[in-house]
Amino acid sequence: MTDEEAADEFGKVVNMTPKELERWLETEESRSVGQAESGKESTGHASGRRIVELLRANRSDLGEQDYAHMNKVVGYVHRHLAQRPSGDVSDTRWRYSLMNWGHDPLK
């Protein structure tokens, strides 16, 4: 995937604004999901903070690692959406995890 394609797809899968994502990342629900070493921030939570930075950045300031992270976010969201559980997902770890990666499946 080219940088342009990664940025375009990132813009499609990340459906939370920087402010929405920042507010979400401050919640207990956000901190309660994801894989983390004892006492450390989860991978998804750290990714969420990085996504906020990417959303606020000028595209001309983005580098190779930024586009690589966008690609990682796109892959994660697509994989996770394919594993949607049945029923109401409003208060599920599945939704909370996706939201840490900037995607609210209820939007």
PDB file of N, CA and C in Angstrom:
ATOM      1  N   MET A   1       0.847  -1.185   0.000  1.00  0.00           N
ATOM      2  CA  MET A   1       0.000   0.000   0.000  1.00  0.00           C
ATOM      3  C   MET A   1       0.888   1.242   0.000  1.00  0.00           C
ATOM      4  N   THR A   2       0.585   2.158  -0.879  1.00  0.00           N
ATOM      5  CA  THR A   2       1.363   3.398  -0.933  1.00  0.00           C
ATOM      6  C   THR A   2       0.997   4.286   0.266  1.00  0.00           C
ATOM      7  N   ASP A   3       1.817   5.293   0.506  1.00  0.00           N
ATOM      8  CA  ASP A   3       1.524   6.232   1.596  1.00  0.00           C
ATOM      9  C   ASP A   3       0.175   6.897   1.386  1.00  0.00           C
ATOM     10  N   GLU A   4      -0.100   7.268   0.140  1.00  0.00           N
ATOM     11  CA  GLU A   4      -1.369   7.924  -0.197  1.00  0.00           C
ATOM     12  C   GLU A   4      -2.551   6.995   0.090  1.00  0.00           C
ATOM     13  N   GLU A   5      -2.428   5.738  -0.307  1.00  0.00           N
ATOM     14  CA  GLU A   5      -3.495   4.760  -0.064  1.00  0.00           C
ATOM     15  C   GLU A   5      -3.677   4.517   1.431  1.00  0.00           C
ATOM     16  N   ALA A   6      -2.561   4.426   2.150  1.00  0.00           N
ATOM     17  CA  ALA A   6      -2.627   4.205   3.604  1.00  0.00           C
ATOM     18  C   ALA A   6      -3.342   5.381   4.274  1.00  0.00           C
ATOM     19  N   ALA A   7      -3.010   6.603   3.874  1.00  0.00           N
ATOM     20  CA  ALA A   7      -3.637   7.790   4.463  1.00  0.00           C
ATOM     21  C   ALA A   7      -5.121   7.840   4.128  1.00  0.00           C
ATOM     22  N   ASP A   8      -5.478   7.506   2.909  1.00  0.00           N
ATOM     23  CA  ASP A   8      -6.891   7.513   2.508  1.00  0.00           C
ATOM     24  C   ASP A   8      -7.690   6.483   3.292  1.00  0.00           C
ATOM     25  N   GLU A   9      -7.166   5.269   3.402  1.00  0.00           N
ATOM     26  CA  GLU A   9      -7.875   4.205   4.113  1.00  0.00           C
ATOM     27  C   GLU A   9      -7.934   4.515   5.615  1.00  0.00           C
ATOM     28  N   PHE A  10      -6.861   5.080   6.161  1.00  0.00           N
ATOM     29  CA  PHE A  10      -6.821   5.518   7.557  1.00  0.00           C
ATOM     30  C   PHE A  10      -7.950   6.518   7.806  1.00  0.00           C
ATOM     31  N   GLY A  11      -8.127   7.448   6.876  1.00  0.00           N
ATOM     32  CA  GLY A  11      -9.186   8.445   6.986  1.00  0.00           C
ATOM     33  C   GLY A  11     -10.577   7.830   6.961  1.00  0.00           C
ATOM     34  N   LYS A  12     -10.709   6.676   6.339  1.00  0.00           N
ATOM     35  CA  LYS A  12     -12.001   5.991   6.288  1.00  0.00           C
ATOM     36  C   LYS A  12     -12.276   5.189   7.559  1.00  0.00           C
ATOM     37  N   VAL A  13     -11.268   4.483   8.074  1.00  0.00           N
ATOM     38  CA  VAL A  13     -11.513   3.606   9.232  1.00  0.00           C
ATOM     39  C   VAL A  13     -11.502   4.358  10.556  1.00  0.00           C
ATOM     40  N   VAL A  14     -10.752   5.441  10.644  1.00  0.00           N
ATOM     41  CA  VAL A  14     -10.740   6.232  11.878  1.00  0.00           C
ATOM     42  C   VAL A  14     -11.921   7.196  11.799  1.00  0.00           C
ATOM     43  N   ASN A  15     -12.979   6.860  12.543  1.00  0.00           N
ATOM     44  CA  ASN A  15     -14.195   7.671  12.457  1.00  0.00           C
ATOM     45  C   ASN A  15     -14.453   8.485  13.729  1.00  0.00           C
ATOM     46  N   MET A  16     -13.448   8.584  14.577  1.00  0.00           N
ATOM     47  CA  MET A  16     -13.547   9.418  15.777  1.00  0.00           C
ATOM     48  C   MET A  16     -12.679  10.656  15.569  1.00  0.00           C
ATOM     49  N   THR A  17     -13.163  11.789  16.061  1.00  0.00           N
ATOM     50  CA  THR A  17     -12.378  13.017  15.961  1.00  0.00           C
ATOM     51  C   THR A  17     -11.254  12.961  17.004  1.00  0.00           C
ATOM     52  N   PRO A  18     -10.247  13.807  16.850  1.00  0.00           N
ATOM     53  CA  PRO A  18      -9.190  13.831  17.869  1.00  0.00           C
ATOM     54  C   PRO A  18      -9.751  14.073  19.274  1.00  0.00           C
ATOM     55  N   LYS A  19     -10.704  15.006  19.403  1.00  0.00           N
ATOM     56  CA  LYS A  19     -11.295  15.300  20.717  1.00  0.00           C
ATOM     57  C   LYS A  19     -12.057  14.099  21.269  1.00  0.00           C
ATOM     58  N   GLU A  20     -12.846  13.440  20.425  1.00  0.00           N
ATOM     59  CA  GLU A  20     -13.589  12.253  20.869  1.00  0.00           C
ATOM     60  C   GLU A  20     -12.634  11.167  21.348  1.00  0.00           C
ATOM     61  N   LEU A  21     -11.578  10.953  20.579  1.00  0.00           N
ATOM     62  CA  LEU A  21     -10.615   9.910  20.924  1.00  0.00           C
ATOM     63  C   LEU A  21      -9.869  10.265  22.207  1.00  0.00           C
ATOM     64  N   GLU A  22      -9.480  11.515  22.366  1.00  0.00           N
ATOM     65  CA  GLU A  22      -8.800  11.924  23.602  1.00  0.00           C
ATOM     66  C   GLU A  22      -9.695  11.709  24.816  1.00  0.00           C
ATOM     67  N   ARG A  23     -10.956  12.109  24.708  1.00  0.00           N
ATOM     68  CA  ARG A  23     -11.897  11.901  25.823  1.00  0.00           C
ATOM     69  C   ARG A  23     -12.051  10.415  26.125  1.00  0.00           C
ATOM     70  N   TRP A  24     -12.180   9.617  25.078  1.00  0.00           N
ATOM     71  CA  TRP A  24     -12.333   8.168  25.253  1.00  0.00           C
ATOM     72  C   TRP A  24     -11.113   7.576  25.972  1.00  0.00           C
ATOM     73  N   LEU A  25      -9.919   7.984  25.565  1.00  0.00           N
ATOM     74  CA  LEU A  25      -8.683   7.415  26.128  1.00  0.00           C
ATOM     75  C   LEU A  25      -8.524   7.725  27.616  1.00  0.00           C
ATOM     76  N   GLU A  26      -9.264   8.713  28.119  1.00  0.00           N
ATOM     77  CA  GLU A  26      -9.199   9.055  29.543  1.00  0.00           C
ATOM     78  C   GLU A  26     -10.111   8.173  30.397  1.00  0.00           C
ATOM     79  N   THR A  27     -10.950   7.354  29.781  1.00  0.00           N
ATOM     80  CA  THR A  27     -11.925   6.551  30.528  1.00  0.00           C
ATOM     81  C   THR A  27     -11.330   5.247  31.053  1.00  0.00           C
ATOM     82  N   GLU A  28     -11.976   4.741  32.095  1.00  0.00           N
ATOM     83  CA  GLU A  28     -11.591   3.428  32.634  1.00  0.00           C
ATOM     84  C   GLU A  28     -11.831   2.328  31.607  1.00  0.00           C
ATOM     85  N   GLU A  29     -12.934   2.448  30.851  1.00  0.00           N
ATOM     86  CA  GLU A  29     -13.244   1.435  29.835  1.00  0.00           C
ATOM     87  C   GLU A  29     -12.115   1.331  28.816  1.00  0.00           C
ATOM     88  N   SER A  30     -11.582   2.462  28.424  1.00  0.00           N
ATOM     89  CA  SER A  30     -10.479   2.466  27.462  1.00  0.00           C
ATOM     90  C   SER A  30      -9.257   1.749  28.028  1.00  0.00           C
ATOM     91  N   ARG A  31      -8.970   2.016  29.291  1.00  0.00           N
ATOM     92  CA  ARG A  31      -7.776   1.412  29.920  1.00  0.00           C
ATOM     93  C   ARG A  31      -7.978  -0.060  30.264  1.00  0.00           C
ATOM     94  N   SER A  32      -9.249  -0.517  30.256  1.00  0.00           N
ATOM     95  CA  SER A  32      -9.548  -1.879  30.703  1.00  0.00           C
ATOM     96  C   SER A  32      -9.325  -2.935  29.631  1.00  0.00           C
ATOM     97  N   VAL A  33      -9.065  -2.529  28.389  1.00  0.00           N
ATOM     98  CA  VAL A  33      -8.921  -3.503  27.310  1.00  0.00           C
ATOM     99  C   VAL A  33      -7.539  -3.434  26.685  1.00  0.00           C
ATOM    100  N   GLY A  34      -7.188  -4.517  26.009  1.00  0.00           N
ATOM    101  CA  GLY A  34      -5.926  -4.551  25.270  1.00  0.00           C
ATOM    102  C   GLY A  34      -4.848  -5.315  25.999  1.00  0.00           C
ATOM    103  N   GLN A  35      -3.797  -5.586  25.262  1.00  0.00           N
ATOM    104  CA  GLN A  35      -2.673  -6.335  25.802  1.00  0.00           C
ATOM    105  C   GLN A  35      -1.605  -5.375  26.308  1.00  0.00           C
ATOM    106  N   ALA A  36      -1.191  -5.618  27.558  1.00  0.00           N
ATOM    107  CA  ALA A  36      -0.161  -4.753  28.142  1.00  0.00           C
ATOM    108  C   ALA A  36       0.647  -5.558  29.146  1.00  0.00           C
ATOM    109  N   GLU A  37       1.904  -5.178  29.267  1.00  0.00           N
ATOM    110  CA  GLU A  37       2.719  -5.759  30.332  1.00  0.00           C
ATOM    111  C   GLU A  37       2.225  -5.153  31.638  1.00  0.00           C
ATOM    112  N   SER A  38       2.452  -5.840  32.719  1.00  0.00           N
ATOM    113  CA  SER A  38       1.971  -5.405  34.022  1.00  0.00           C
ATOM    114  C   SER A  38       2.337  -3.946  34.299  1.00  0.00           C
ATOM    115  N   GLY A  39       1.307  -3.146  34.585  1.00  0.00           N
ATOM    116  CA  GLY A  39       1.536  -1.751  34.935  1.00  0.00           C
ATOM    117  C   GLY A  39       1.816  -0.828  33.774  1.00  0.00           C
ATOM    118  N   LYS A  40       1.811  -1.363  32.557  1.00  0.00           N
ATOM    119  CA  LYS A  40       2.112  -0.533  31.389  1.00  0.00           C
ATOM    120  C   LYS A  40       0.858  -0.286  30.562  1.00  0.00           C
ATOM    121  N   GLU A  41       0.930   0.699  29.701  1.00  0.00           N
ATOM    122  CA  GLU A  41      -0.168   1.050  28.808  1.00  0.00           C
ATOM    123  C   GLU A  41      -0.339  -0.029  27.739  1.00  0.00           C
ATOM    124  N   SER A  42      -1.595  -0.327  27.391  1.00  0.00           N
ATOM    125  CA  SER A  42      -1.845  -1.339  26.359  1.00  0.00           C
ATOM    126  C   SER A  42      -1.426  -0.819  24.989  1.00  0.00           C
ATOM    127  N   THR A  43      -1.200  -1.747  24.084  1.00  0.00           N
ATOM    128  CA  THR A  43      -0.812  -1.407  22.713  1.00  0.00           C
ATOM    129  C   THR A  43      -1.862  -0.521  22.056  1.00  0.00           C
ATOM    130  N   GLY A  44      -3.141  -0.872  22.221  1.00  0.00           N
ATOM    131  CA  GLY A  44      -4.216  -0.097  21.607  1.00  0.00           C
ATOM    132  C   GLY A  44      -4.329   1.300  22.189  1.00  0.00           C
ATOM    133  N   HIS A  45      -4.136   1.412  23.492  1.00  0.00           N
ATOM    134  CA  HIS A  45      -4.229   2.721  24.139  1.00  0.00           C
ATOM    135  C   HIS A  45      -3.105   3.626  23.632  1.00  0.00           C
ATOM    136  N   ALA A  46      -1.910   3.096  23.541  1.00  0.00           N
ATOM    137  CA  ALA A  46      -0.778   3.869  23.014  1.00  0.00           C
ATOM    138  C   ALA A  46      -1.037   4.242  21.554  1.00  0.00           C
ATOM    139  N   SER A  47      -1.615   3.314  20.805  1.00  0.00           N
ATOM    140  CA  SER A  47      -1.940   3.587  19.410  1.00  0.00           C
ATOM    141  C   SER A  47      -2.951   4.731  19.314  1.00  0.00           C
ATOM    142  N   GLY A  48      -3.920   4.739  20.211  1.00  0.00           N
ATOM    143  CA  GLY A  48      -4.914   5.803  20.218  1.00  0.00           C
ATOM    144  C   GLY A  48      -4.282   7.175  20.387  1.00  0.00           C
ATOM    145  N   ARG A  49      -3.314   7.268  21.279  1.00  0.00           N
ATOM    146  CA  ARG A  49      -2.623   8.554  21.478  1.00  0.00           C
ATOM    147  C   ARG A  49      -1.881   8.956  20.203  1.00  0.00           C
ATOM    148  N   ARG A  50      -1.267   7.970  19.556  1.00  0.00           N
ATOM    149  CA  ARG A  50      -0.539   8.232  18.300  1.00  0.00           C
ATOM    150  C   ARG A  50      -1.508   8.654  17.196  1.00  0.00           C
ATOM    151  N   ILE A  51      -2.690   8.037  17.162  1.00  0.00           N
ATOM    152  CA  ILE A  51      -3.699   8.380  16.158  1.00  0.00           C
ATOM    153  C   ILE A  51      -4.125   9.840  16.318  1.00  0.00           C
ATOM    154  N   VAL A  52      -4.294  10.290  17.548  1.00  0.00           N
ATOM    155  CA  VAL A  52      -4.649  11.695  17.791  1.00  0.00           C
ATOM    156  C   VAL A  52      -3.583  12.603  17.164  1.00  0.00           C
ATOM    157  N   GLU A  53      -2.318  12.264  17.369  1.00  0.00           N
ATOM    158  CA  GLU A  53      -1.231  13.059  16.790  1.00  0.00           C
ATOM    159  C   GLU A  53      -1.305  13.057  15.270  1.00  0.00           C
ATOM    160  N   LEU A  54      -1.567  11.883  14.685  1.00  0.00           N
ATOM    161  CA  LEU A  54      -1.636  11.772  13.227  1.00  0.00           C
ATOM    162  C   LEU A  54      -2.812  12.574  12.664  1.00  0.00           C
ATOM    163  N   LEU A  55      -3.932  12.543  13.357  1.00  0.00           N
ATOM    164  CA  LEU A  55      -5.106  13.281  12.895  1.00  0.00           C
ATOM    165  C   LEU A  55      -4.864  14.790  12.913  1.00  0.00           C
ATOM    166  N   ARG A  56      -4.043  15.231  13.830  1.00  0.00           N
ATOM    167  CA  ARG A  56      -3.781  16.675  13.970  1.00  0.00           C
ATOM    168  C   ARG A  56      -2.604  17.154  13.116  1.00  0.00           C
ATOM    169  N   ALA A  57      -1.845  16.224  12.580  1.00  0.00           N
ATOM    170  CA  ALA A  57      -0.637  16.585  11.828  1.00  0.00           C
ATOM    171  C   ALA A  57      -0.974  17.044  10.411  1.00  0.00           C
ATOM    172  N   ASN A  58      -0.109  17.860   9.865  1.00  0.00           N
ATOM    173  CA  ASN A  58      -0.192  18.206   8.448  1.00  0.00           C
ATOM    174  C   ASN A  58       0.398  17.048   7.660  1.00  0.00           C
ATOM    175  N   ARG A  59      -0.248  16.685   6.580  1.00  0.00           N
ATOM    176  CA  ARG A  59       0.234  15.539   5.805  1.00  0.00           C
ATOM    177  C   ARG A  59       1.672  15.744   5.341  1.00  0.00           C
ATOM    178  N   SER A  60       2.034  16.975   5.061  1.00  0.00           N
ATOM    179  CA  SER A  60       3.400  17.262   4.597  1.00  0.00           C
ATOM    180  C   SER A  60       4.445  16.990   5.683  1.00  0.00           C
ATOM    181  N   ASP A  61       4.011  16.911   6.946  1.00  0.00           N
ATOM    182  CA  ASP A  61       4.943  16.654   8.051  1.00  0.00           C
ATOM    183  C   ASP A  61       5.059  15.171   8.384  1.00  0.00           C
ATOM    184  N   LEU A  62       4.276  14.325   7.716  1.00  0.00           N
ATOM    185  CA  LEU A  62       4.274  12.899   8.036  1.00  0.00           C
ATOM    186  C   LEU A  62       5.454  12.183   7.397  1.00  0.00           C
ATOM    187  N   GLY A  63       5.987  11.223   8.143  1.00  0.00           N
ATOM    188  CA  GLY A  63       7.115  10.451   7.652  1.00  0.00           C
ATOM    189  C   GLY A  63       6.773   8.979   7.482  1.00  0.00           C
ATOM    190  N   GLU A  64       7.780   8.220   7.164  1.00  0.00           N
ATOM    191  CA  GLU A  64       7.627   6.788   6.896  1.00  0.00           C
ATOM    192  C   GLU A  64       6.977   6.054   8.070  1.00  0.00           C
ATOM    193  N   GLN A  65       7.396   6.349   9.298  1.00  0.00           N
ATOM    194  CA  GLN A  65       6.835   5.669  10.472  1.00  0.00           C
ATOM    195  C   GLN A  65       5.369   6.040  10.686  1.00  0.00           C
ATOM    196  N   ASP A  66       5.006   7.267  10.334  1.00  0.00           N
ATOM    197  CA  ASP A  66       3.612   7.694  10.465  1.00  0.00           C
ATOM    198  C   ASP A  66       2.715   6.899   9.515  1.00  0.00           C
ATOM    199  N   TYR A  67       3.155   6.771   8.276  1.00  0.00           N
ATOM    200  CA  TYR A  67       2.368   6.004   7.306  1.00  0.00           C
ATOM    201  C   TYR A  67       2.337   4.520   7.679  1.00  0.00           C
ATOM    202  N   ALA A  68       3.420   4.026   8.244  1.00  0.00           N
ATOM    203  CA  ALA A  68       3.445   2.629   8.697  1.00  0.00           C
ATOM    204  C   ALA A  68       2.425   2.426   9.815  1.00  0.00           C
ATOM    205  N   HIS A  69       2.309   3.410  10.714  1.00  0.00           N
ATOM    206  CA  HIS A  69       1.324   3.279  11.792  1.00  0.00           C
ATOM    207  C   HIS A  69      -0.096   3.363  11.230  1.00  0.00           C
ATOM    208  N   MET A  70      -0.316   4.233  10.266  1.00  0.00           N
ATOM    209  CA  MET A  70      -1.634   4.300   9.625  1.00  0.00           C
ATOM    210  C   MET A  70      -2.009   2.945   9.038  1.00  0.00           C
ATOM    211  N   ASN A  71      -1.048   2.327   8.387  1.00  0.00           N
ATOM    212  CA  ASN A  71      -1.273   1.009   7.790  1.00  0.00           C
ATOM    213  C   ASN A  71      -1.608  -0.026   8.869  1.00  0.00           C
ATOM    214  N   LYS A  72      -0.916   0.053   9.990  1.00  0.00           N
ATOM    215  CA  LYS A  72      -1.161  -0.852  11.115  1.00  0.00           C
ATOM    216  C   LYS A  72      -2.582  -0.663  11.657  1.00  0.00           C
ATOM    217  N   VAL A  73      -3.008   0.590  11.771  1.00  0.00           N
ATOM    218  CA  VAL A  73      -4.355   0.903  12.261  1.00  0.00           C
ATOM    219  C   VAL A  73      -5.403   0.332  11.308  1.00  0.00           C
ATOM    220  N   VAL A  74      -5.210   0.544  10.022  1.00  0.00           N
ATOM    221  CA  VAL A  74      -6.149   0.039   9.009  1.00  0.00           C
ATOM    222  C   VAL A  74      -6.259  -1.480   9.123  1.00  0.00           C
ATOM    223  N   GLY A  75      -5.139  -2.165   9.208  1.00  0.00           N
ATOM    224  CA  GLY A  75      -5.148  -3.626   9.317  1.00  0.00           C
ATOM    225  C   GLY A  75      -5.855  -4.095  10.574  1.00  0.00           C
ATOM    226  N   TYR A  76      -5.568  -3.442  11.697  1.00  0.00           N
ATOM    227  CA  TYR A  76      -6.188  -3.833  12.959  1.00  0.00           C
ATOM    228  C   TYR A  76      -7.704  -3.662  12.891  1.00  0.00           C
ATOM    229  N   VAL A  77      -8.157  -2.500  12.429  1.00  0.00           N
ATOM    230  CA  VAL A  77      -9.595  -2.226  12.385  1.00  0.00           C
ATOM    231  C   VAL A  77     -10.296  -3.227  11.468  1.00  0.00           C
ATOM    232  N   HIS A  78      -9.734  -3.478  10.291  1.00  0.00           N
ATOM    233  CA  HIS A  78     -10.367  -4.441   9.377  1.00  0.00           C
ATOM    234  C   HIS A  78     -10.434  -5.842   9.991  1.00  0.00           C
ATOM    235  N   ARG A  79      -9.357  -6.286  10.608  1.00  0.00           N
ATOM    236  CA  ARG A  79      -9.343  -7.623  11.241  1.00  0.00           C
ATOM    237  C   ARG A  79     -10.360  -7.690  12.374  1.00  0.00           C
ATOM    238  N   HIS A  80     -10.384  -6.655  13.183  1.00  0.00           N
ATOM    239  CA  HIS A  80     -11.257  -6.644  14.357  1.00  0.00           C
ATOM    240  C   HIS A  80     -12.729  -6.577  13.959  1.00  0.00           C
ATOM    241  N   LEU A  81     -13.050  -5.792  12.929  1.00  0.00           N
ATOM    242  CA  LEU A  81     -14.437  -5.702  12.470  1.00  0.00           C
ATOM    243  C   LEU A  81     -14.940  -7.056  11.981  1.00  0.00           C
ATOM    244  N   ALA A  82     -14.059  -7.852  11.409  1.00  0.00           N
ATOM    245  CA  ALA A  82     -14.434  -9.182  10.916  1.00  0.00           C
ATOM    246  C   ALA A  82     -14.791 -10.133  12.057  1.00  0.00           C
ATOM    247  N   GLN A  83     -14.420  -9.788  13.282  1.00  0.00           N
ATOM    248  CA  GLN A  83     -14.672 -10.643  14.454  1.00  0.00           C
ATOM    249  C   GLN A  83     -15.827 -10.122  15.296  1.00  0.00           C
ATOM    250  N   ARG A  84     -16.697  -9.308  14.705  1.00  0.00           N
ATOM    251  CA  ARG A  84     -17.806  -8.694  15.445  1.00  0.00           C
ATOM    252  C   ARG A  84     -18.653  -9.771  16.136  1.00  0.00           C
ATOM    253  N   PRO A  85     -18.857  -9.620  17.440  1.00  0.00           N
ATOM    254  CA  PRO A  85     -19.717 -10.579  18.143  1.00  0.00           C
ATOM    255  C   PRO A  85     -21.187 -10.314  17.816  1.00  0.00           C
ATOM    256  N   SER A  86     -22.022 -11.299  18.059  1.00  0.00           N
ATOM    257  CA  SER A  86     -23.448 -11.111  17.796  1.00  0.00           C
ATOM    258  C   SER A  86     -24.077 -10.305  18.931  1.00  0.00           C
ATOM    259  N   GLY A  87     -25.227  -9.745  18.649  1.00  0.00           N
ATOM    260  CA  GLY A  87     -25.950  -9.006  19.675  1.00  0.00           C
ATOM    261  C   GLY A  87     -25.503  -7.565  19.798  1.00  0.00           C
ATOM    262  N   ASP A  88     -25.943  -6.947  20.873  1.00  0.00           N
ATOM    263  CA  ASP A  88     -25.636  -5.545  21.149  1.00  0.00           C
ATOM    264  C   ASP A  88     -24.178  -5.423  21.569  1.00  0.00           C
ATOM    265  N   VAL A  89     -23.420  -4.622  20.856  1.00  0.00           N
ATOM    266  CA  VAL A  89     -21.986  -4.487  21.137  1.00  0.00           C
ATOM    267  C   VAL A  89     -21.656  -3.201  21.906  1.00  0.00           C
ATOM    268  N   SER A  90     -22.698  -2.473  22.350  1.00  0.00           N
ATOM    269  CA  SER A  90     -22.493  -1.169  22.986  1.00  0.00           C
ATOM    270  C   SER A  90     -21.463  -1.184  24.106  1.00  0.00           C
ATOM    271  N   ASP A  91     -21.590  -2.113  25.034  1.00  0.00           N
ATOM    272  CA  ASP A  91     -20.702  -2.157  26.204  1.00  0.00           C
ATOM    273  C   ASP A  91     -19.842  -3.408  26.193  1.00  0.00           C
ATOM    274  N   THR A  92     -19.122  -3.607  25.092  1.00  0.00           N
ATOM    275  CA  THR A  92     -18.293  -4.809  24.972  1.00  0.00           C
ATOM    276  C   THR A  92     -16.819  -4.453  24.872  1.00  0.00           C
ATOM    277  N   ARG A  93     -15.992  -5.372  25.294  1.00  0.00           N
ATOM    278  CA  ARG A  93     -14.543  -5.204  25.162  1.00  0.00           C
ATOM    279  C   ARG A  93     -14.167  -5.060  23.682  1.00  0.00           C
ATOM    280  N   TRP A  94     -14.921  -5.740  22.817  1.00  0.00           N
ATOM    281  CA  TRP A  94     -14.663  -5.674  21.375  1.00  0.00           C
ATOM    282  C   TRP A  94     -14.777  -4.224  20.891  1.00  0.00           C
ATOM    283  N   ARG A  95     -15.869  -3.543  21.259  1.00  0.00           N
ATOM    284  CA  ARG A  95     -16.061  -2.145  20.860  1.00  0.00           C
ATOM    285  C   ARG A  95     -15.013  -1.248  21.511  1.00  0.00           C
ATOM    286  N   TYR A  96     -14.751  -1.459  22.789  1.00  0.00           N
ATOM    287  CA  TYR A  96     -13.783  -0.619  23.501  1.00  0.00           C
ATOM    288  C   TYR A  96     -12.401  -0.709  22.851  1.00  0.00           C
ATOM    289  N   SER A  97     -12.027  -1.917  22.456  1.00  0.00           N
ATOM    290  CA  SER A  97     -10.732  -2.109  21.811  1.00  0.00           C
ATOM    291  C   SER A  97     -10.675  -1.356  20.483  1.00  0.00           C
ATOM    292  N   LEU A  98     -11.729  -1.478  19.692  1.00  0.00           N
ATOM    293  CA  LEU A  98     -11.769  -0.747  18.420  1.00  0.00           C
ATOM    294  C   LEU A  98     -11.702   0.761  18.645  1.00  0.00           C
ATOM    295  N   MET A  99     -12.380   1.229  19.670  1.00  0.00           N
ATOM    296  CA  MET A  99     -12.374   2.664  19.941  1.00  0.00           C
ATOM    297  C   MET A  99     -10.979   3.152  20.333  1.00  0.00           C
ATOM    298  N   ASN A 100     -10.200   2.319  20.992  1.00  0.00           N
ATOM    299  CA  ASN A 100      -8.817   2.698  21.302  1.00  0.00           C
ATOM    300  C   ASN A 100      -8.021   2.928  20.017  1.00  0.00           C
ATOM    301  N   TRP A 101      -8.441   2.270  18.942  1.00  0.00           N
ATOM    302  CA  TRP A 101      -7.771   2.394  17.642  1.00  0.00           C
ATOM    303  C   TRP A 101      -8.484   3.416  16.747  1.00  0.00           C
ATOM    304  N   GLY A 102      -9.391   4.228  17.348  1.00  0.00           N
ATOM    305  CA  GLY A 102      -9.992   5.330  16.615  1.00  0.00           C
ATOM    306  C   GLY A 102     -11.252   5.006  15.842  1.00  0.00           C
ATOM    307  N   HIS A 103     -11.791   3.795  16.026  1.00  0.00           N
ATOM    308  CA  HIS A 103     -12.989   3.399  15.272  1.00  0.00           C
ATOM    309  C   HIS A 103     -14.111   3.031  16.230  1.00  0.00           C
ATOM    310  N   ASP A 104     -15.212   3.783  16.161  1.00  0.00           N
ATOM    311  CA  ASP A 104     -16.395   3.424  16.957  1.00  0.00           C
ATOM    312  C   ASP A 104     -17.371   2.722  16.019  1.00  0.00           C
ATOM    313  N   PRO A 105     -17.573   1.410  16.197  1.00  0.00           N
ATOM    314  CA  PRO A 105     -18.439   0.659  15.291  1.00  0.00           C
ATOM    315  C   PRO A 105     -19.915   1.055  15.385  1.00  0.00           C
ATOM    316  N   LEU A 106     -20.284   1.859  16.372  1.00  0.00           N
ATOM    317  CA  LEU A 106     -21.678   2.289  16.501  1.00  0.00           C
ATOM    318  C   LEU A 106     -21.941   3.610  15.773  1.00  0.00           C
ATOM    319  N   LYS A 107     -20.910   4.191  15.205  1.00  0.00           N
ATOM    320  CA  LYS A 107     -21.097   5.455  14.459  1.00  0.00           C
ATOM    321  C   LYS A 107     -21.582   5.159  13.064  1.00  0.00           C
TER     322      LYS A 107
END
